Amino acid sequence: MENNNYIEHGNERIPAREEILDIIGRHEEKYTVGRELFDEKGLYLLEIKVEGKETTETTEYQYMRKGIFSNHNESLETTIHVVYFENGIPVGGHDIANYNSETGEWRDAE
């Protein structure tokens, strides 16, 4: 069953792509959708790229669903993480939101 916020897969609730993009949209207005990976339950990896004001700056947002997936992708929780790059080298980052797959609700990361 799918609604505006999540897709139900058994007892697990999985966030819909649009919901993930809405959360990232609270932080960035202009972005480019990069890699999107799916399995039988739906979207498990979504990468968003934002070019900085300086040509050497890039910000990437990454949604990752809880689980173990192909290509060595693995996450202990469903989260949206931001990473800051300068000259192609990561210089910082943090979680911006974490998802509770039982309730279908996001909470801002601390």
PDB file of N, CA and C in Angstrom:
ATOM      1  N   MET A   1       0.849  -1.163   0.000  1.00  0.00           N
ATOM      2  CA  MET A   1       0.000   0.000   0.000  1.00  0.00           C
ATOM      3  C   MET A   1       0.898   1.230   0.000  1.00  0.00           C
ATOM      4  N   GLU A   2       0.561   2.249  -0.770  1.00  0.00           N
ATOM      5  CA  GLU A   2       1.367   3.451  -0.822  1.00  0.00           C
ATOM      6  C   GLU A   2       0.492   4.652  -0.487  1.00  0.00           C
ATOM      7  N   ASN A   3       1.027   5.580   0.308  1.00  0.00           N
ATOM      8  CA  ASN A   3       0.373   6.863   0.518  1.00  0.00           C
ATOM      9  C   ASN A   3       1.374   7.948   0.203  1.00  0.00           C
ATOM     10  N   ASN A   4       1.092   9.179   0.554  1.00  0.00           N
ATOM     11  CA  ASN A   4       1.986  10.277   0.212  1.00  0.00           C
ATOM     12  C   ASN A   4       3.308  10.228   0.953  1.00  0.00           C
ATOM     13  N   ASN A   5       3.344   9.586   2.121  1.00  0.00           N
ATOM     14  CA  ASN A   5       4.533   9.632   2.949  1.00  0.00           C
ATOM     15  C   ASN A   5       5.398   8.384   2.886  1.00  0.00           C
ATOM     16  N   TYR A   6       4.805   7.230   2.714  1.00  0.00           N
ATOM     17  CA  TYR A   6       5.602   6.012   2.750  1.00  0.00           C
ATOM     18  C   TYR A   6       4.908   4.889   2.002  1.00  0.00           C
ATOM     19  N   ILE A   7       5.689   3.840   1.783  1.00  0.00           N
ATOM     20  CA  ILE A   7       5.206   2.609   1.159  1.00  0.00           C
ATOM     21  C   ILE A   7       5.256   1.540   2.241  1.00  0.00           C
ATOM     22  N   GLU A   8       4.163   0.831   2.449  1.00  0.00           N
ATOM     23  CA  GLU A   8       4.158  -0.244   3.439  1.00  0.00           C
ATOM     24  C   GLU A   8       4.649  -1.519   2.784  1.00  0.00           C
ATOM     25  N   HIS A   9       5.583  -2.173   3.460  1.00  0.00           N
ATOM     26  CA  HIS A   9       6.097  -3.455   2.998  1.00  0.00           C
ATOM     27  C   HIS A   9       6.107  -4.366   4.207  1.00  0.00           C
ATOM     28  N   GLY A  10       5.036  -5.123   4.400  1.00  0.00           N
ATOM     29  CA  GLY A  10       4.868  -5.900   5.621  1.00  0.00           C
ATOM     30  C   GLY A  10       4.663  -4.941   6.779  1.00  0.00           C
ATOM     31  N   ASN A  11       5.414  -5.132   7.856  1.00  0.00           N
ATOM     32  CA  ASN A  11       5.340  -4.233   9.003  1.00  0.00           C
ATOM     33  C   ASN A  11       6.246  -3.020   8.855  1.00  0.00           C
ATOM     34  N   GLU A  12       7.070  -3.019   7.817  1.00  0.00           N
ATOM     35  CA  GLU A  12       8.034  -1.946   7.608  1.00  0.00           C
ATOM     36  C   GLU A  12       7.439  -0.846   6.732  1.00  0.00           C
ATOM     37  N   ARG A  13       7.680   0.396   7.124  1.00  0.00           N
ATOM     38  CA  ARG A  13       7.274   1.543   6.309  1.00  0.00           C
ATOM     39  C   ARG A  13       8.525   2.118   5.657  1.00  0.00           C
ATOM     40  N   ILE A  14       8.459   2.331   4.352  1.00  0.00           N
ATOM     41  CA  ILE A  14       9.600   2.822   3.585  1.00  0.00           C
ATOM     42  C   ILE A  14       9.228   4.185   3.015  1.00  0.00           C
ATOM     43  N   PRO A  15      10.071   5.207   3.239  1.00  0.00           N
ATOM     44  CA  PRO A  15       9.737   6.538   2.741  1.00  0.00           C
ATOM     45  C   PRO A  15       9.638   6.569   1.220  1.00  0.00           C
ATOM     46  N   ALA A  16       8.696   7.335   0.714  1.00  0.00           N
ATOM     47  CA  ALA A  16       8.544   7.515  -0.725  1.00  0.00           C
ATOM     48  C   ALA A  16       9.589   8.509  -1.219  1.00  0.00           C
ATOM     49  N   ARG A  17       9.990   8.381  -2.468  1.00  0.00           N
ATOM     50  CA  ARG A  17      10.996   9.262  -3.078  1.00  0.00           C
ATOM     51  C   ARG A  17      10.628  10.726  -2.884  1.00  0.00           C
ATOM     52  N   GLU A  18       9.374  11.079  -3.106  1.00  0.00           N
ATOM     53  CA  GLU A  18       8.927  12.468  -3.008  1.00  0.00           C
ATOM     54  C   GLU A  18       9.128  13.019  -1.600  1.00  0.00           C
ATOM     55  N   GLU A  19       8.899  12.191  -0.597  1.00  0.00           N
ATOM     56  CA  GLU A  19       9.088  12.622   0.785  1.00  0.00           C
ATOM     57  C   GLU A  19      10.559  12.918   1.057  1.00  0.00           C
ATOM     58  N   ILE A  20      11.442  12.089   0.548  1.00  0.00           N
ATOM     59  CA  ILE A  20      12.877  12.291   0.718  1.00  0.00           C
ATOM     60  C   ILE A  20      13.304  13.596   0.049  1.00  0.00           C
ATOM     61  N   LEU A  21      12.829  13.816  -1.165  1.00  0.00           N
ATOM     62  CA  LEU A  21      13.164  15.053  -1.882  1.00  0.00           C
ATOM     63  C   LEU A  21      12.604  16.277  -1.170  1.00  0.00           C
ATOM     64  N   ASP A  22      11.435  16.160  -0.540  1.00  0.00           N
ATOM     65  CA  ASP A  22      10.871  17.274   0.235  1.00  0.00           C
ATOM     66  C   ASP A  22      11.785  17.649   1.399  1.00  0.00           C
ATOM     67  N   ILE A  23      12.329  16.651   2.082  1.00  0.00           N
ATOM     68  CA  ILE A  23      13.219  16.919   3.215  1.00  0.00           C
ATOM     69  C   ILE A  23      14.496  17.592   2.732  1.00  0.00           C
ATOM     70  N   ILE A  24      15.073  17.099   1.651  1.00  0.00           N
ATOM     71  CA  ILE A  24      16.276  17.720   1.107  1.00  0.00           C
ATOM     72  C   ILE A  24      15.959  19.125   0.614  1.00  0.00           C
ATOM     73  N   GLY A  25      14.774  19.314   0.048  1.00  0.00           N
ATOM     74  CA  GLY A  25      14.350  20.627  -0.433  1.00  0.00           C
ATOM     75  C   GLY A  25      14.249  21.679   0.664  1.00  0.00           C
ATOM     76  N   ARG A  26      14.121  21.254   1.908  1.00  0.00           N
ATOM     77  CA  ARG A  26      14.129  22.198   3.026  1.00  0.00           C
ATOM     78  C   ARG A  26      15.517  22.795   3.246  1.00  0.00           C
ATOM     79  N   HIS A  27      16.538  22.095   2.740  1.00  0.00           N
ATOM     80  CA  HIS A  27      17.918  22.526   2.927  1.00  0.00           C
ATOM     81  C   HIS A  27      18.516  23.143   1.667  1.00  0.00           C
ATOM     82  N   GLU A  28      18.029  22.735   0.513  1.00  0.00           N
ATOM     83  CA  GLU A  28      18.572  23.194  -0.774  1.00  0.00           C
ATOM     84  C   GLU A  28      17.443  23.446  -1.756  1.00  0.00           C
ATOM     85  N   GLU A  29      17.567  24.551  -2.508  1.00  0.00           N
ATOM     86  CA  GLU A  29      16.545  24.849  -3.515  1.00  0.00           C
ATOM     87  C   GLU A  29      16.893  24.229  -4.868  1.00  0.00           C
ATOM     88  N   LYS A  30      18.165  24.316  -5.244  1.00  0.00           N
ATOM     89  CA  LYS A  30      18.592  23.818  -6.552  1.00  0.00           C
ATOM     90  C   LYS A  30      19.536  22.649  -6.342  1.00  0.00           C
ATOM     91  N   TYR A  31      19.184  21.506  -6.922  1.00  0.00           N
ATOM     92  CA  TYR A  31      20.013  20.320  -6.789  1.00  0.00           C
ATOM     93  C   TYR A  31      19.837  19.438  -8.011  1.00  0.00           C
ATOM     94  N   THR A  32      20.741  18.500  -8.153  1.00  0.00           N
ATOM     95  CA  THR A  32      20.696  17.528  -9.240  1.00  0.00           C
ATOM     96  C   THR A  32      20.573  16.138  -8.630  1.00  0.00           C
ATOM     97  N   VAL A  33      19.586  15.391  -9.085  1.00  0.00           N
ATOM     98  CA  VAL A  33      19.426  14.009  -8.620  1.00  0.00           C
ATOM     99  C   VAL A  33      20.474  13.164  -9.323  1.00  0.00           C
ATOM    100  N   GLY A  34      21.234  12.425  -8.526  1.00  0.00           N
ATOM    101  CA  GLY A  34      22.270  11.549  -9.058  1.00  0.00           C
ATOM    102  C   GLY A  34      21.797  10.119  -9.095  1.00  0.00           C
ATOM    103  N   ARG A  35      22.529   9.274  -8.460  1.00  0.00           N
ATOM    104  CA  ARG A  35      22.251   7.840  -8.465  1.00  0.00           C
ATOM    105  C   ARG A  35      20.996   7.514  -7.667  1.00  0.00           C
ATOM    106  N   GLU A  36      20.187   6.605  -8.205  1.00  0.00           N
ATOM    107  CA  GLU A  36      19.004   6.075  -7.516  1.00  0.00           C
ATOM    108  C   GLU A  36      19.053   4.561  -7.664  1.00  0.00           C
ATOM    109  N   LEU A  37      19.021   3.857  -6.526  1.00  0.00           N
ATOM    110  CA  LEU A  37      19.058   2.399  -6.563  1.00  0.00           C
ATOM    111  C   LEU A  37      17.823   1.835  -5.879  1.00  0.00           C
ATOM    112  N   PHE A  38      17.281   0.758  -6.467  1.00  0.00           N
ATOM    113  CA  PHE A  38      16.036   0.143  -6.008  1.00  0.00           C
ATOM    114  C   PHE A  38      16.242  -1.348  -5.770  1.00  0.00           C
ATOM    115  N   ASP A  39      15.422  -1.900  -4.885  1.00  0.00           N
ATOM    116  CA  ASP A  39      15.304  -3.340  -4.734  1.00  0.00           C
ATOM    117  C   ASP A  39      13.822  -3.687  -4.768  1.00  0.00           C
ATOM    118  N   GLU A  40      13.465  -4.898  -4.369  1.00  0.00           N
ATOM    119  CA  GLU A  40      12.051  -5.315  -4.433  1.00  0.00           C
ATOM    120  C   GLU A  40      11.145  -4.495  -3.518  1.00  0.00           C
ATOM    121  N   LYS A  41      11.692  -3.832  -2.506  1.00  0.00           N
ATOM    122  CA  LYS A  41      10.890  -3.005  -1.598  1.00  0.00           C
ATOM    123  C   LYS A  41      10.774  -1.560  -2.067  1.00  0.00           C
ATOM    124  N   GLY A  42      11.641  -1.161  -2.977  1.00  0.00           N
ATOM    125  CA  GLY A  42      11.611   0.213  -3.461  1.00  0.00           C
ATOM    126  C   GLY A  42      12.971   0.878  -3.386  1.00  0.00           C
ATOM    127  N   LEU A  43      12.973   2.192  -3.290  1.00  0.00           N
ATOM    128  CA  LEU A  43      14.194   2.994  -3.277  1.00  0.00           C
ATOM    129  C   LEU A  43      14.997   2.722  -2.001  1.00  0.00           C
ATOM    130  N   TYR A  44      16.292   2.415  -2.170  1.00  0.00           N
ATOM    131  CA  TYR A  44      17.132   2.255  -0.983  1.00  0.00           C
ATOM    132  C   TYR A  44      18.322   3.200  -0.972  1.00  0.00           C
ATOM    133  N   LEU A  45      18.649   3.828  -2.102  1.00  0.00           N
ATOM    134  CA  LEU A  45      19.748   4.790  -2.149  1.00  0.00           C
ATOM    135  C   LEU A  45      19.385   5.911  -3.107  1.00  0.00           C
ATOM    136  N   LEU A  46      19.560   7.143  -2.641  1.00  0.00           N
ATOM    137  CA  LEU A  46      19.313   8.313  -3.475  1.00  0.00           C
ATOM    138  C   LEU A  46      20.411   9.321  -3.179  1.00  0.00           C
ATOM    139  N   GLU A  47      21.115   9.759  -4.236  1.00  0.00           N
ATOM    140  CA  GLU A  47      22.177  10.746  -4.076  1.00  0.00           C
ATOM    141  C   GLU A  47      21.791  12.041  -4.770  1.00  0.00           C
ATOM    142  N   ILE A  48      22.002  13.133  -4.072  1.00  0.00           N
ATOM    143  CA  ILE A  48      21.678  14.470  -4.562  1.00  0.00           C
ATOM    144  C   ILE A  48      22.951  15.298  -4.538  1.00  0.00           C
ATOM    145  N   LYS A  49      23.211  16.042  -5.603  1.00  0.00           N
ATOM    146  CA  LYS A  49      24.422  16.858  -5.688  1.00  0.00           C
ATOM    147  C   LYS A  49      24.037  18.332  -5.802  1.00  0.00           C
ATOM    148  N   VAL A  50      24.773  19.170  -5.062  1.00  0.00           N
ATOM    149  CA  VAL A  50      24.564  20.620  -5.089  1.00  0.00           C
ATOM    150  C   VAL A  50      25.922  21.270  -5.326  1.00  0.00           C
ATOM    151  N   GLU A  51      26.012  22.058  -6.402  1.00  0.00           N
ATOM    152  CA  GLU A  51      27.256  22.776  -6.677  1.00  0.00           C
ATOM    153  C   GLU A  51      27.307  24.025  -5.809  1.00  0.00           C
ATOM    154  N   GLY A  52      28.477  24.309  -5.263  1.00  0.00           N
ATOM    155  CA  GLY A  52      28.656  25.468  -4.398  1.00  0.00           C
ATOM    156  C   GLY A  52      28.888  26.741  -5.177  1.00  0.00           C
ATOM    157  N   LYS A  53      28.975  27.828  -4.446  1.00  0.00           N
ATOM    158  CA  LYS A  53      29.243  29.128  -5.067  1.00  0.00           C
ATOM    159  C   LYS A  53      30.641  29.170  -5.667  1.00  0.00           C
ATOM    160  N   GLU A  54      31.571  28.505  -5.010  1.00  0.00           N
ATOM    161  CA  GLU A  54      32.925  28.370  -5.540  1.00  0.00           C
ATOM    162  C   GLU A  54      32.966  27.103  -6.379  1.00  0.00           C
ATOM    163  N   THR A  55      33.729  27.114  -7.439  1.00  0.00           N
ATOM    164  CA  THR A  55      33.767  25.953  -8.333  1.00  0.00           C
ATOM    165  C   THR A  55      34.386  24.725  -7.680  1.00  0.00           C
ATOM    166  N   THR A  56      35.089  24.904  -6.559  1.00  0.00           N
ATOM    167  CA  THR A  56      35.725  23.775  -5.888  1.00  0.00           C
ATOM    168  C   THR A  56      34.841  23.167  -4.803  1.00  0.00           C
ATOM    169  N   GLU A  57      33.677  23.748  -4.550  1.00  0.00           N
ATOM    170  CA  GLU A  57      32.788  23.283  -3.487  1.00  0.00           C
ATOM    171  C   GLU A  57      31.642  22.446  -4.047  1.00  0.00           C
ATOM    172  N   THR A  58      31.343  21.358  -3.365  1.00  0.00           N
ATOM    173  CA  THR A  58      30.193  20.520  -3.714  1.00  0.00           C
ATOM    174  C   THR A  58      29.583  20.006  -2.417  1.00  0.00           C
ATOM    175  N   THR A  59      28.267  19.892  -2.400  1.00  0.00           N
ATOM    176  CA  THR A  59      27.558  19.284  -1.282  1.00  0.00           C
ATOM    177  C   THR A  59      26.777  18.101  -1.826  1.00  0.00           C
ATOM    178  N   GLU A  60      26.823  16.988  -1.129  1.00  0.00           N
ATOM    179  CA  GLU A  60      26.052  15.821  -1.527  1.00  0.00           C
ATOM    180  C   GLU A  60      25.157  15.377  -0.383  1.00  0.00           C
ATOM    181  N   TYR A  61      23.906  15.086  -0.728  1.00  0.00           N
ATOM    182  CA  TYR A  61      22.961  14.500   0.218  1.00  0.00           C
ATOM    183  C   TYR A  61      22.778  13.053  -0.190  1.00  0.00           C
ATOM    184  N   GLN A  62      22.739  12.168   0.802  1.00  0.00           N
ATOM    185  CA  GLN A  62      22.552  10.760   0.498  1.00  0.00           C
ATOM    186  C   GLN A  62      21.489  10.174   1.419  1.00  0.00           C
ATOM    187  N   TYR A  63      20.430   9.657   0.790  1.00  0.00           N
ATOM    188  CA  TYR A  63      19.415   8.884   1.512  1.00  0.00           C
ATOM    189  C   TYR A  63      19.827   7.430   1.416  1.00  0.00           C
ATOM    190  N   MET A  64      19.780   6.734   2.550  1.00  0.00           N
ATOM    191  CA  MET A  64      20.062   5.299   2.559  1.00  0.00           C
ATOM    192  C   MET A  64      19.070   4.623   3.479  1.00  0.00           C
ATOM    193  N   ARG A  65      18.381   3.606   2.942  1.00  0.00           N
ATOM    194  CA  ARG A  65      17.424   2.841   3.731  1.00  0.00           C
ATOM    195  C   ARG A  65      18.151   1.794   4.562  1.00  0.00           C
ATOM    196  N   LYS A  66      17.619   1.501   5.718  1.00  0.00           N
ATOM    197  CA  LYS A  66      18.179   0.484   6.607  1.00  0.00           C
ATOM    198  C   LYS A  66      18.204  -0.865   5.889  1.00  0.00           C
ATOM    199  N   GLY A  67      19.359  -1.539   5.953  1.00  0.00           N
ATOM    200  CA  GLY A  67      19.445  -2.865   5.372  1.00  0.00           C
ATOM    201  C   GLY A  67      20.794  -3.146   4.744  1.00  0.00           C
ATOM    202  N   ILE A  68      20.907  -4.340   4.182  1.00  0.00           N
ATOM    203  CA  ILE A  68      22.097  -4.771   3.455  1.00  0.00           C
ATOM    204  C   ILE A  68      21.677  -4.968   2.003  1.00  0.00           C
ATOM    205  N   PHE A  69      22.402  -4.314   1.089  1.00  0.00           N
ATOM    206  CA  PHE A  69      22.023  -4.308  -0.322  1.00  0.00           C
ATOM    207  C   PHE A  69      23.210  -4.733  -1.187  1.00  0.00           C
ATOM    208  N   SER A  70      22.963  -4.882  -2.474  1.00  0.00           N
ATOM    209  CA  SER A  70      24.023  -5.273  -3.403  1.00  0.00           C
ATOM    210  C   SER A  70      25.093  -4.177  -3.473  1.00  0.00           C
ATOM    211  N   ASN A  71      26.196  -4.492  -4.073  1.00  0.00           N
ATOM    212  CA  ASN A  71      27.313  -3.553  -4.252  1.00  0.00           C
ATOM    213  C   ASN A  71      27.866  -3.039  -2.936  1.00  0.00           C
ATOM    214  N   HIS A  72      27.769  -3.838  -1.877  1.00  0.00           N
ATOM    215  CA  HIS A  72      28.337  -3.500  -0.566  1.00  0.00           C
ATOM    216  C   HIS A  72      27.681  -2.290   0.085  1.00  0.00           C
ATOM    217  N   ASN A  73      26.477  -1.951  -0.291  1.00  0.00           N
ATOM    218  CA  ASN A  73      25.727  -0.882   0.373  1.00  0.00           C
ATOM    219  C   ASN A  73      25.062  -1.453   1.613  1.00  0.00           C
ATOM    220  N   GLU A  74      25.259  -0.774   2.750  1.00  0.00           N
ATOM    221  CA  GLU A  74      24.709  -1.257   4.015  1.00  0.00           C
ATOM    222  C   GLU A  74      24.480  -0.078   4.950  1.00  0.00           C
ATOM    223  N   SER A  75      23.360  -0.111   5.676  1.00  0.00           N
ATOM    224  CA  SER A  75      23.072   0.935   6.651  1.00  0.00           C
ATOM    225  C   SER A  75      22.325   0.331   7.835  1.00  0.00           C
ATOM    226  N   LEU A  76      22.659   0.791   9.033  1.00  0.00           N
ATOM    227  CA  LEU A  76      22.002   0.319  10.247  1.00  0.00           C
ATOM    228  C   LEU A  76      20.683   1.032  10.508  1.00  0.00           C
ATOM    229  N   GLU A  77      20.496   2.210   9.866  1.00  0.00           N
ATOM    230  CA  GLU A  77      19.237   2.940  10.010  1.00  0.00           C
ATOM    231  C   GLU A  77      18.926   3.677   8.721  1.00  0.00           C
ATOM    232  N   THR A  78      17.677   4.065   8.560  1.00  0.00           N
ATOM    233  CA  THR A  78      17.261   4.850   7.406  1.00  0.00           C
ATOM    234  C   THR A  78      17.527   6.308   7.739  1.00  0.00           C
ATOM    235  N   THR A  79      18.326   6.951   6.897  1.00  0.00           N
ATOM    236  CA  THR A  79      18.778   8.301   7.213  1.00  0.00           C
ATOM    237  C   THR A  79      19.049   9.118   5.955  1.00  0.00           C
ATOM    238  N   ILE A  80      19.087  10.431   6.120  1.00  0.00           N
ATOM    239  CA  ILE A  80      19.574  11.339   5.090  1.00  0.00           C
ATOM    240  C   ILE A  80      20.805  12.016   5.671  1.00  0.00           C
ATOM    241  N   HIS A  81      21.907  11.907   4.953  1.00  0.00           N
ATOM    242  CA  HIS A  81      23.203  12.407   5.401  1.00  0.00           C
ATOM    243  C   HIS A  81      23.692  13.452   4.402  1.00  0.00           C
ATOM    244  N   VAL A  82      24.383  14.474   4.880  1.00  0.00           N
ATOM    245  CA  VAL A  82      24.988  15.484   4.005  1.00  0.00           C
ATOM    246  C   VAL A  82      26.505  15.413   4.169  1.00  0.00           C
ATOM    247  N   VAL A  83      27.213  15.535   3.038  1.00  0.00           N
ATOM    248  CA  VAL A  83      28.675  15.549   3.030  1.00  0.00           C
ATOM    249  C   VAL A  83      29.118  16.781   2.247  1.00  0.00           C
ATOM    250  N   TYR A  84      30.110  17.506   2.799  1.00  0.00           N
ATOM    251  CA  TYR A  84      30.654  18.701   2.162  1.00  0.00           C
ATOM    252  C   TYR A  84      32.016  18.364   1.558  1.00  0.00           C
ATOM    253  N   PHE A  85      32.231  18.792   0.302  1.00  0.00           N
ATOM    254  CA  PHE A  85      33.478  18.517  -0.408  1.00  0.00           C
ATOM    255  C   PHE A  85      34.150  19.824  -0.804  1.00  0.00           C
ATOM    256  N   GLU A  86      35.470  19.824  -0.757  1.00  0.00           N
ATOM    257  CA  GLU A  86      36.286  20.894  -1.320  1.00  0.00           C
ATOM    258  C   GLU A  86      37.356  20.220  -2.163  1.00  0.00           C
ATOM    259  N   ASN A  87      37.455  20.632  -3.424  1.00  0.00           N
ATOM    260  CA  ASN A  87      38.408  20.027  -4.360  1.00  0.00           C
ATOM    261  C   ASN A  87      38.254  18.515  -4.427  1.00  0.00           C
ATOM    262  N   GLY A  88      37.012  18.033  -4.322  1.00  0.00           N
ATOM    263  CA  GLY A  88      36.723  16.606  -4.426  1.00  0.00           C
ATOM    264  C   GLY A  88      37.017  15.794  -3.186  1.00  0.00           C
ATOM    265  N   ILE A  89      37.427  16.452  -2.109  1.00  0.00           N
ATOM    266  CA  ILE A  89      37.770  15.766  -0.868  1.00  0.00           C
ATOM    267  C   ILE A  89      36.710  16.073   0.184  1.00  0.00           C
ATOM    268  N   PRO A  90      36.156  15.039   0.851  1.00  0.00           N
ATOM    269  CA  PRO A  90      35.166  15.313   1.897  1.00  0.00           C
ATOM    270  C   PRO A  90      35.823  16.056   3.067  1.00  0.00           C
ATOM    271  N   VAL A  91      35.180  17.146   3.502  1.00  0.00           N
ATOM    272  CA  VAL A  91      35.717  17.955   4.597  1.00  0.00           C
ATOM    273  C   VAL A  91      34.761  18.021   5.787  1.00  0.00           C
ATOM    274  N   GLY A  92      33.651  17.334   5.723  1.00  0.00           N
ATOM    275  CA  GLY A  92      32.709  17.320   6.834  1.00  0.00           C
ATOM    276  C   GLY A  92      31.380  16.746   6.393  1.00  0.00           C
ATOM    277  N   GLY A  93      30.526  16.536   7.372  1.00  0.00           N
ATOM    278  CA  GLY A  93      29.203  16.024   7.077  1.00  0.00           C
ATOM    279  C   GLY A  93      28.491  15.593   8.338  1.00  0.00           C
ATOM    280  N   HIS A  94      27.201  15.340   8.205  1.00  0.00           N
ATOM    281  CA  HIS A  94      26.392  14.926   9.345  1.00  0.00           C
ATOM    282  C   HIS A  94      25.026  14.453   8.861  1.00  0.00           C
ATOM    283  N   ASP A  95      24.314  13.734   9.715  1.00  0.00           N
ATOM    284  CA  ASP A  95      22.936  13.350   9.410  1.00  0.00           C
ATOM    285  C   ASP A  95      22.052  14.585   9.511  1.00  0.00           C
ATOM    286  N   ILE A  96      21.064  14.686   8.618  1.00  0.00           N
ATOM    287  CA  ILE A  96      20.093  15.780   8.748  1.00  0.00           C
ATOM    288  C   ILE A  96      18.733  15.270   9.197  1.00  0.00           C
ATOM    289  N   ALA A  97      18.445  13.976   8.932  1.00  0.00           N
ATOM    290  CA  ALA A  97      17.153  13.412   9.343  1.00  0.00           C
ATOM    291  C   ALA A  97      17.275  11.895   9.467  1.00  0.00           C
ATOM    292  N   ASN A  98      16.554  11.348  10.433  1.00  0.00           N
ATOM    293  CA  ASN A  98      16.508   9.906  10.653  1.00  0.00           C
ATOM    294  C   ASN A  98      15.054   9.447  10.619  1.00  0.00           C
ATOM    295  N   TYR A  99      14.836   8.248  10.101  1.00  0.00           N
ATOM    296  CA  TYR A  99      13.495   7.734   9.851  1.00  0.00           C
ATOM    297  C   TYR A  99      13.175   6.563  10.774  1.00  0.00           C
ATOM    298  N   ASN A 100      11.975   6.560  11.325  1.00  0.00           N
ATOM    299  CA  ASN A 100      11.490   5.444  12.136  1.00  0.00           C
ATOM    300  C   ASN A 100      10.599   4.588  11.244  1.00  0.00           C
ATOM    301  N   SER A 101      11.085   3.407  10.858  1.00  0.00           N
ATOM    302  CA  SER A 101      10.346   2.565   9.917  1.00  0.00           C
ATOM    303  C   SER A 101       9.109   1.924  10.534  1.00  0.00           C
ATOM    304  N   GLU A 102       8.974   1.976  11.853  1.00  0.00           N
ATOM    305  CA  GLU A 102       7.773   1.447  12.494  1.00  0.00           C
ATOM    306  C   GLU A 102       6.628   2.457  12.484  1.00  0.00           C
ATOM    307  N   THR A 103       6.960   3.738  12.674  1.00  0.00           N
ATOM    308  CA  THR A 103       5.922   4.776  12.718  1.00  0.00           C
ATOM    309  C   THR A 103       5.764   5.516  11.408  1.00  0.00           C
ATOM    310  N   GLY A 104       6.767   5.442  10.527  1.00  0.00           N
ATOM    311  CA  GLY A 104       6.726   6.172   9.281  1.00  0.00           C
ATOM    312  C   GLY A 104       6.997   7.650   9.438  1.00  0.00           C
ATOM    313  N   GLU A 105       7.708   8.029  10.520  1.00  0.00           N
ATOM    314  CA  GLU A 105       7.957   9.448  10.801  1.00  0.00           C
ATOM    315  C   GLU A 105       9.455   9.749  10.766  1.00  0.00           C
ATOM    316  N   TRP A 106       9.764  10.945  10.235  1.00  0.00           N
ATOM    317  CA  TRP A 106      11.124  11.468  10.238  1.00  0.00           C
ATOM    318  C   TRP A 106      11.329  12.322  11.470  1.00  0.00           C
ATOM    319  N   ARG A 107      12.576  12.355  11.967  1.00  0.00           N
ATOM    320  CA  ARG A 107      12.929  13.309  13.008  1.00  0.00           C
ATOM    321  C   ARG A 107      14.252  13.942  12.593  1.00  0.00           C
ATOM    322  N   ASP A 108      14.371  15.238  12.899  1.00  0.00           N
ATOM    323  CA  ASP A 108      15.628  15.925  12.591  1.00  0.00           C
ATOM    324  C   ASP A 108      16.745  15.316  13.409  1.00  0.00           C
ATOM    325  N   ALA A 109      17.904  15.172  12.787  1.00  0.00           N
ATOM    326  CA  ALA A 109      19.063  14.627  13.496  1.00  0.00           C
ATOM    327  C   ALA A 109      19.602  15.685  14.439  1.00  0.00           C
ATOM    328  N   GLU A 110      20.206  15.231  15.504  1.00  0.00           N
ATOM    329  CA  GLU A 110      20.743  16.156  16.505  1.00  0.00           C
ATOM    330  C   GLU A 110      22.158  16.541  16.187  1.00  0.00           C
TER     331      GLU A 110
END
